[in-house]
């Protein structure tokens, strides 16, 4: 079998992530042992959390210099020595940035072969499920309420906004640049959009959400979180999904004056990861499939080509280059 091309984390970044922090390597294609499968990587998912893993242990072990870069992927079973998977099955797996991986089958679940396959990483993958559970289970929006989502043009934010509209909410998206903001309104049904790169974020947000914020879906942390906190309504809910503004920053920014505000407004802040709600996946998938088939949810994907493009793809994602779910086609 051919060699296994890999992208290795050459050095842990001290400041901003650069292409020099990665290097290409060539490993061997392993053989599965009892209870294991050999996977061929088809598409690698790019997520802001990839950068957070370089800073220390999170909900997974910290990355070290010399490791194959970690990352989830849509992969196909090439060879199986496990009862629950056979050659040709599709799975989502923590394969890392490489062409092949050997993993225990007990960690993997077979995915339906839905076309286009890329939807298994976007609307039916971590992005869609994160939006679904973060908004509906953590945010608990009610019809007529105002929902604000940051990184609204990103992989999760686009779905959050559309699901909130489905639930009868007024939806405000925060994104970088006038073009993205216009797109949110024209193409994805957002009621208003705020450009955090232009104007006065606090004043622009107040104008876009004149009745205050009932639910804030936070993908960014930092100054955007602070601006939203001070405009939350009493008994408001904040779904804490990510902090992309902090992952690649030499000087992380924490919201000021928060403890008293949380008490006086009786706010609920809930951090989560998508696996917290794994037992509800079937219900979520059924809803997402219904909404997508009916056109109530539009799917936007940003697909790049080639294993070698992965470092630049992640750096670009952290800079806000992408619209919708970013991934790299490996095979």
Protein backbone atom coordinates (compact mmCIF):
# COMPACT_ATOMS: atom_id res chain seq x y z
CA UNK A 1 0.00 0.00 0.00
CA UNK A 2 1.12 3.57 -0.59
CA UNK A 3 2.83 5.64 2.08
CA UNK A 4 0.76 7.64 4.54
CA UNK A 5 1.23 11.37 4.04
CA UNK A 6 0.84 13.38 7.24
CA UNK A 7 0.86 16.97 8.52
CA UNK A 8 2.84 17.21 11.76
CA UNK A 9 2.77 20.00 14.33
CA UNK A 10 6.45 20.97 14.14
CA UNK A 11 6.39 23.54 16.96
CA UNK A 12 3.85 24.79 19.46
CA UNK A 13 3.00 28.40 18.55
CA UNK A 14 3.79 31.10 21.11
CA UNK A 15 1.84 33.78 19.23
CA UNK A 16 -0.14 33.67 16.01
CA UNK A 17 -0.28 30.39 14.13
CA UNK A 18 1.99 30.35 11.06
CA UNK A 19 2.66 27.85 8.25
CA UNK A 20 6.12 27.27 9.76
CA UNK A 21 4.49 25.59 12.76
CA UNK A 22 3.65 22.64 10.51
CA UNK A 23 5.66 20.24 8.36
CA UNK A 24 4.79 17.42 6.01
CA UNK A 25 5.88 13.91 6.91
CA UNK A 26 5.45 10.40 5.59
CA UNK A 27 4.37 7.57 7.86
CA UNK A 28 3.39 3.99 7.27
CA UNK A 29 -0.11 2.69 6.61
CA UNK A 30 -0.83 0.53 9.63
CA UNK A 31 -2.72 -2.74 9.76
CA UNK A 32 -5.73 -3.09 12.05
CA UNK A 33 -5.53 -5.42 15.01
CA UNK A 34 -8.44 -7.21 16.63
CA UNK A 35 -11.33 -4.76 17.15
CA UNK A 36 -9.71 -2.10 14.96
CA UNK A 37 -10.30 -0.64 11.50
CA UNK A 38 -8.07 0.94 8.88
CA UNK A 39 -9.57 4.21 7.67
CA UNK A 40 -8.95 6.23 4.53
CA UNK A 41 -9.48 9.94 5.18
CA UNK A 42 -11.83 11.62 2.70
CA UNK A 43 -12.49 15.10 4.15
CA UNK A 44 -10.83 16.77 7.15
CA UNK A 45 -12.95 19.15 9.22
CA UNK A 46 -11.42 22.55 10.06
CA UNK A 47 -12.53 23.98 13.40
CA UNK A 48 -11.38 26.85 15.60
CA UNK A 49 -10.95 24.32 18.41
CA UNK A 50 -7.99 22.87 16.47
CA UNK A 51 -6.03 25.94 17.58
CA UNK A 52 -7.18 25.65 21.21
CA UNK A 53 -5.75 22.14 21.43
CA UNK A 54 -2.27 23.60 20.96
CA UNK A 55 -2.63 25.68 24.14
CA UNK A 56 -3.08 22.84 26.62
CA UNK A 57 -5.53 20.16 27.70
CA UNK A 58 -9.19 20.94 27.01
CA UNK A 59 -11.84 18.25 26.63
CA UNK A 60 -9.03 16.33 24.96
CA UNK A 61 -5.30 15.93 25.61
CA UNK A 62 -2.99 18.79 24.69
CA UNK A 63 -1.03 18.54 21.46
CA UNK A 64 2.75 18.27 21.59
CA UNK A 65 5.41 19.24 19.07
CA UNK A 66 6.01 16.30 16.75
CA UNK A 67 2.44 14.99 16.93
CA UNK A 68 0.39 14.40 13.82
CA UNK A 69 -1.94 17.40 13.88
CA UNK A 70 -5.23 16.42 15.48
CA UNK A 71 -8.53 16.80 13.70
CA UNK A 72 -11.80 15.11 12.94
CA UNK A 73 -12.54 13.72 9.51
CA UNK A 74 -15.05 11.91 7.38
CA UNK A 75 -13.36 8.62 6.59
CA UNK A 76 -14.08 5.33 4.82
CA UNK A 77 -13.32 1.90 6.22
CA UNK A 78 -10.68 0.15 4.09
CA UNK A 79 -10.17 -2.93 6.28
CA UNK A 80 -12.03 -4.05 9.38
CA UNK A 81 -11.32 -6.51 12.17
CA UNK A 82 -14.40 -5.51 14.11
CA UNK A 83 -17.98 -6.76 14.03
CA UNK A 84 -19.73 -3.38 13.78
CA UNK A 85 -17.98 -2.01 10.68
CA UNK A 86 -17.14 -3.37 7.24
CA UNK A 87 -15.13 -2.11 4.28
CA UNK A 88 -16.89 0.77 2.55
CA UNK A 89 -18.64 2.08 5.67
CA UNK A 90 -18.38 5.80 6.40
CA UNK A 91 -17.49 7.15 9.86
CA UNK A 92 -16.58 10.41 11.54
CA UNK A 93 -13.32 9.90 13.40
CA UNK A 94 -10.48 11.71 15.12
CA UNK A 95 -8.02 10.59 12.46
CA UNK A 96 -5.67 13.56 12.58
CA UNK A 97 -4.25 15.27 9.50
CA UNK A 98 -3.15 12.22 7.51
CA UNK A 99 -4.31 10.02 4.66
CA UNK A 100 -4.83 6.82 6.69
CA UNK A 101 -5.45 5.98 10.33
CA UNK A 102 -5.95 2.83 12.40
CA UNK A 103 -8.46 3.27 15.22
CA UNK A 104 -10.50 1.12 17.63
CA UNK A 105 -13.92 0.46 16.12
CA UNK A 106 -15.67 0.89 19.48
CA UNK A 107 -15.04 4.65 19.21
CA UNK A 108 -16.70 4.87 15.81
CA UNK A 109 -20.26 4.91 14.54
CA UNK A 110 -21.35 4.17 11.01
CA UNK A 111 -22.74 7.17 9.11
CA UNK A 112 -25.42 7.07 6.41
CA UNK A 113 -24.12 7.56 2.87
CA UNK A 114 -25.79 10.91 2.20
CA UNK A 115 -25.03 12.91 -0.93
CA UNK A 116 -23.24 15.21 -1.06
CA UNK A 117 -20.90 13.52 1.41
CA UNK A 118 -19.69 16.93 2.58
CA UNK A 119 -23.05 17.43 4.31
CA UNK A 120 -21.92 14.80 6.83
CA UNK A 121 -19.36 17.35 8.09
CA UNK A 122 -21.59 20.40 7.85
CA UNK A 123 -25.33 20.31 8.47
CA UNK A 124 -25.39 16.64 9.61
CA UNK A 125 -22.00 16.78 11.30
CA UNK A 126 -20.46 18.59 14.26
CA UNK A 127 -21.38 22.03 12.88
CA UNK A 128 -25.10 21.38 12.48
CA UNK A 129 -25.39 19.37 15.69
CA UNK A 130 -23.47 22.00 17.68
CA UNK A 131 -25.82 24.69 16.44
CA UNK A 132 -28.89 22.56 17.14
CA UNK A 133 -28.02 21.53 20.69
CA UNK A 134 -26.30 24.76 21.69
CA UNK A 135 -29.25 26.87 20.65
CA UNK A 136 -32.19 24.64 21.54
CA UNK A 137 -30.89 22.88 24.67
CA UNK A 138 -28.64 25.59 26.13
CA UNK A 139 -30.23 28.75 24.75
CA UNK A 140 -33.85 27.53 24.89
CA UNK A 141 -35.23 30.29 22.63
CA UNK A 142 -38.91 31.17 22.63
CA UNK A 143 -40.87 32.65 19.74
CA UNK A 144 -40.63 36.43 19.70
CA UNK A 145 -37.32 36.56 21.57
CA UNK A 146 -34.14 38.14 20.22
CA UNK A 147 -31.29 35.75 19.47
CA UNK A 148 -27.79 37.08 18.74
CA UNK A 149 -25.01 34.85 17.37
CA UNK A 150 -21.35 35.75 16.88
CA UNK A 151 -19.17 34.37 14.07
CA UNK A 152 -22.54 34.25 12.33
CA UNK A 153 -21.10 33.54 8.88
CA UNK A 154 -19.08 30.59 10.17
CA UNK A 155 -19.89 26.90 10.11
CA UNK A 156 -21.96 26.89 13.32
CA UNK A 157 -23.26 30.45 13.30
CA UNK A 158 -25.08 30.13 9.97
CA UNK A 159 -27.09 27.19 11.29
CA UNK A 160 -27.79 28.85 14.64
CA UNK A 161 -29.33 31.86 12.92
CA UNK A 162 -31.47 29.79 10.59
CA UNK A 163 -32.74 27.48 13.35
CA UNK A 164 -33.58 30.51 15.52
CA UNK A 165 -35.63 31.95 12.66
CA UNK A 166 -37.44 28.62 12.35
CA UNK A 167 -38.38 28.95 16.02
CA UNK A 168 -39.93 32.38 15.45
CA UNK A 169 -37.14 34.50 16.91
CA UNK A 170 -35.69 37.83 15.79
CA UNK A 171 -32.13 36.97 14.72
CA UNK A 172 -29.09 39.24 14.77
CA UNK A 173 -25.78 38.02 13.41
CA UNK A 174 -22.35 39.45 14.26
CA UNK A 175 -19.76 38.96 11.51
CA UNK A 176 -16.63 40.55 10.08
CA UNK A 177 -17.12 42.81 7.08
CA UNK A 178 -20.01 44.47 5.29
CA UNK A 179 -20.21 41.75 2.62
CA UNK A 180 -20.74 38.98 5.15
CA UNK A 181 -23.34 41.03 7.00
CA UNK A 182 -25.29 41.71 3.82
CA UNK A 183 -25.14 38.02 2.91
CA UNK A 184 -26.58 37.03 6.30
CA UNK A 185 -29.62 39.19 5.65
CA UNK A 186 -30.09 38.59 1.93
CA UNK A 187 -29.33 34.87 1.68
CA UNK A 188 -29.90 33.38 5.14
CA UNK A 189 -32.84 35.34 6.51
CA UNK A 190 -31.18 37.15 9.43
CA UNK A 191 -33.23 40.14 10.57
CA UNK A 192 -30.13 42.26 11.18
CA UNK A 193 -26.36 41.96 11.08
CA UNK A 194 -23.58 43.84 12.88
CA UNK A 195 -20.07 44.27 11.47
CA UNK A 196 -17.67 44.00 14.41
CA UNK A 197 -14.83 45.32 12.23
CA UNK A 198 -16.53 48.61 11.39
CA UNK A 199 -18.31 51.25 13.43
CA UNK A 200 -19.06 51.03 17.15
CA UNK A 201 -19.87 47.45 18.14
CA UNK A 202 -21.85 48.34 21.28
CA UNK A 203 -23.96 51.04 19.61
CA UNK A 204 -24.49 49.04 16.42
CA UNK A 205 -25.58 46.02 18.44
CA UNK A 206 -28.01 48.14 20.46
CA UNK A 207 -29.54 49.47 17.23
CA UNK A 208 -29.86 45.95 15.80
CA UNK A 209 -31.39 44.56 19.03
CA UNK A 210 -33.35 47.52 20.47
CA UNK A 211 -35.33 45.30 22.86
CA UNK A 212 -32.18 43.71 24.29
CA UNK A 213 -30.86 40.17 23.91
CA UNK A 214 -32.67 37.11 25.24
CA UNK A 215 -30.32 34.45 23.89
CA UNK A 216 -26.68 34.94 22.91
CA UNK A 217 -24.82 32.13 21.15
CA UNK A 218 -21.15 32.85 21.77
CA UNK A 219 -18.55 31.60 19.31
CA UNK A 220 -15.97 34.31 19.95
CA UNK A 221 -15.54 35.37 23.57
CA UNK A 222 -13.57 38.57 24.18
CA UNK A 223 -14.95 42.00 23.34
CA UNK A 224 -17.99 40.66 21.50
CA UNK A 225 -19.02 38.61 24.53
CA UNK A 226 -18.60 41.70 26.71
CA UNK A 227 -20.74 43.85 24.40
CA UNK A 228 -23.51 41.25 24.42
CA UNK A 229 -23.38 40.66 28.17
CA UNK A 230 -24.21 44.28 28.90
CA UNK A 231 -27.24 44.11 26.60
CA UNK A 232 -28.71 40.87 27.90
CA UNK A 233 -32.26 40.93 29.19
CA UNK A 234 -33.21 39.67 32.65
CA UNK A 235 -33.15 35.85 32.68
CA UNK A 236 -31.17 35.83 29.44
CA UNK A 237 -29.33 32.69 28.37
CA UNK A 238 -25.83 32.47 26.90
CA UNK A 239 -24.68 29.32 25.10
CA UNK A 240 -20.88 29.30 25.35
CA UNK A 241 -19.68 27.35 22.31
CA UNK A 242 -16.21 28.73 21.58
CA UNK A 243 -13.81 31.63 21.92
CA UNK A 244 -12.18 32.00 18.51
CA UNK A 245 -11.05 35.56 19.27
CA UNK A 246 -8.87 34.19 22.07
CA UNK A 247 -7.30 31.07 20.55
CA UNK A 248 -4.77 32.83 18.33
CA UNK A 249 -4.18 35.92 20.46
CA UNK A 250 -1.05 36.77 22.42
CA UNK A 251 -3.15 38.84 24.87
CA UNK A 252 -6.49 37.11 25.58
CA UNK A 253 -9.28 39.49 26.60
CA UNK A 254 -11.79 38.67 29.31
CA UNK A 255 -15.12 40.49 29.73
CA UNK A 256 -15.06 43.09 32.54
CA UNK A 257 -17.66 43.65 35.25
CA UNK A 258 -19.27 40.28 34.64
CA UNK A 259 -19.99 38.73 38.09
CA UNK A 260 -22.33 41.48 39.31
CA UNK A 261 -24.06 41.63 35.94
CA UNK A 262 -24.78 37.90 35.95
CA UNK A 263 -26.37 38.19 39.39
CA UNK A 264 -28.46 41.32 38.81
CA UNK A 265 -29.80 40.07 35.47
CA UNK A 266 -30.03 36.43 36.64
CA UNK A 267 -28.23 35.24 33.54
CA UNK A 268 -27.61 31.62 32.70
CA UNK A 269 -24.25 30.90 31.01
CA UNK A 270 -23.75 27.32 29.87
CA UNK A 271 -20.66 25.88 28.26
CA UNK A 272 -21.08 22.73 26.20
CA UNK A 273 -19.59 20.43 23.62
CA UNK A 274 -21.66 18.51 21.11
CA UNK A 275 -21.00 15.08 22.63
CA UNK A 276 -22.87 16.16 25.79
CA UNK A 277 -26.09 15.51 23.87
CA UNK A 278 -25.15 12.31 22.03
CA UNK A 279 -28.27 10.49 23.22
CA UNK A 280 -30.40 13.06 21.32
CA UNK A 281 -28.55 12.72 18.00
CA UNK A 282 -31.33 10.81 16.24
CA UNK A 283 -33.89 13.51 16.99
CA UNK A 284 -31.49 16.24 15.90
CA UNK A 285 -30.64 14.46 12.66
CA UNK A 286 -34.31 13.96 11.82
CA UNK A 287 -35.05 17.66 12.37
CA UNK A 288 -32.01 18.82 10.42
CA UNK A 289 -32.84 16.54 7.50
CA UNK A 290 -36.44 17.78 7.42
CA UNK A 291 -35.42 21.44 7.53
CA UNK A 292 -32.72 20.99 4.88
CA UNK A 293 -34.97 19.03 2.51
CA UNK A 294 -37.70 21.68 2.79
CA UNK A 295 -35.24 24.50 2.10
CA UNK A 296 -35.78 26.05 5.54
CA UNK A 297 -32.06 25.59 6.16
CA UNK A 298 -29.53 26.50 3.48
CA UNK A 299 -26.16 24.75 3.59
CA UNK A 300 -23.00 26.72 2.82
CA UNK A 301 -19.71 24.84 2.54
CA UNK A 302 -16.13 25.95 1.90
CA UNK A 303 -14.19 22.99 0.48
CA UNK A 304 -10.45 23.24 -0.18
CA UNK A 305 -8.35 20.64 -1.96
CA UNK A 306 -5.36 18.55 -0.87
CA UNK A 307 -3.76 17.47 2.41
CA UNK A 308 -1.00 20.06 1.94
CA UNK A 309 -3.57 22.89 2.11
CA UNK A 310 -4.59 22.07 5.70
CA UNK A 311 -2.23 24.47 7.56
CA UNK A 312 -3.25 27.43 5.42
CA UNK A 313 -6.89 26.42 5.69
CA UNK A 314 -6.80 26.53 9.50
CA UNK A 315 -4.88 29.82 9.58
CA UNK A 316 -7.42 31.31 7.18
CA UNK A 317 -10.34 30.05 9.25
CA UNK A 318 -8.92 31.72 12.37
CA UNK A 319 -8.69 34.96 10.35
CA UNK A 320 -12.34 34.66 9.30
CA UNK A 321 -11.76 33.82 5.62
CA UNK A 322 -14.47 31.22 5.36
CA UNK A 323 -18.21 31.44 4.89
CA UNK A 324 -19.92 28.30 6.13
CA UNK A 325 -18.27 25.01 7.03
CA UNK A 326 -14.61 24.80 5.99
CA UNK A 327 -13.11 21.42 5.17
CA UNK A 328 -10.30 19.96 3.07
CA UNK A 329 -10.79 17.14 0.55
CA UNK A 330 -7.95 14.66 1.03
CA UNK A 331 -9.15 11.78 -1.18
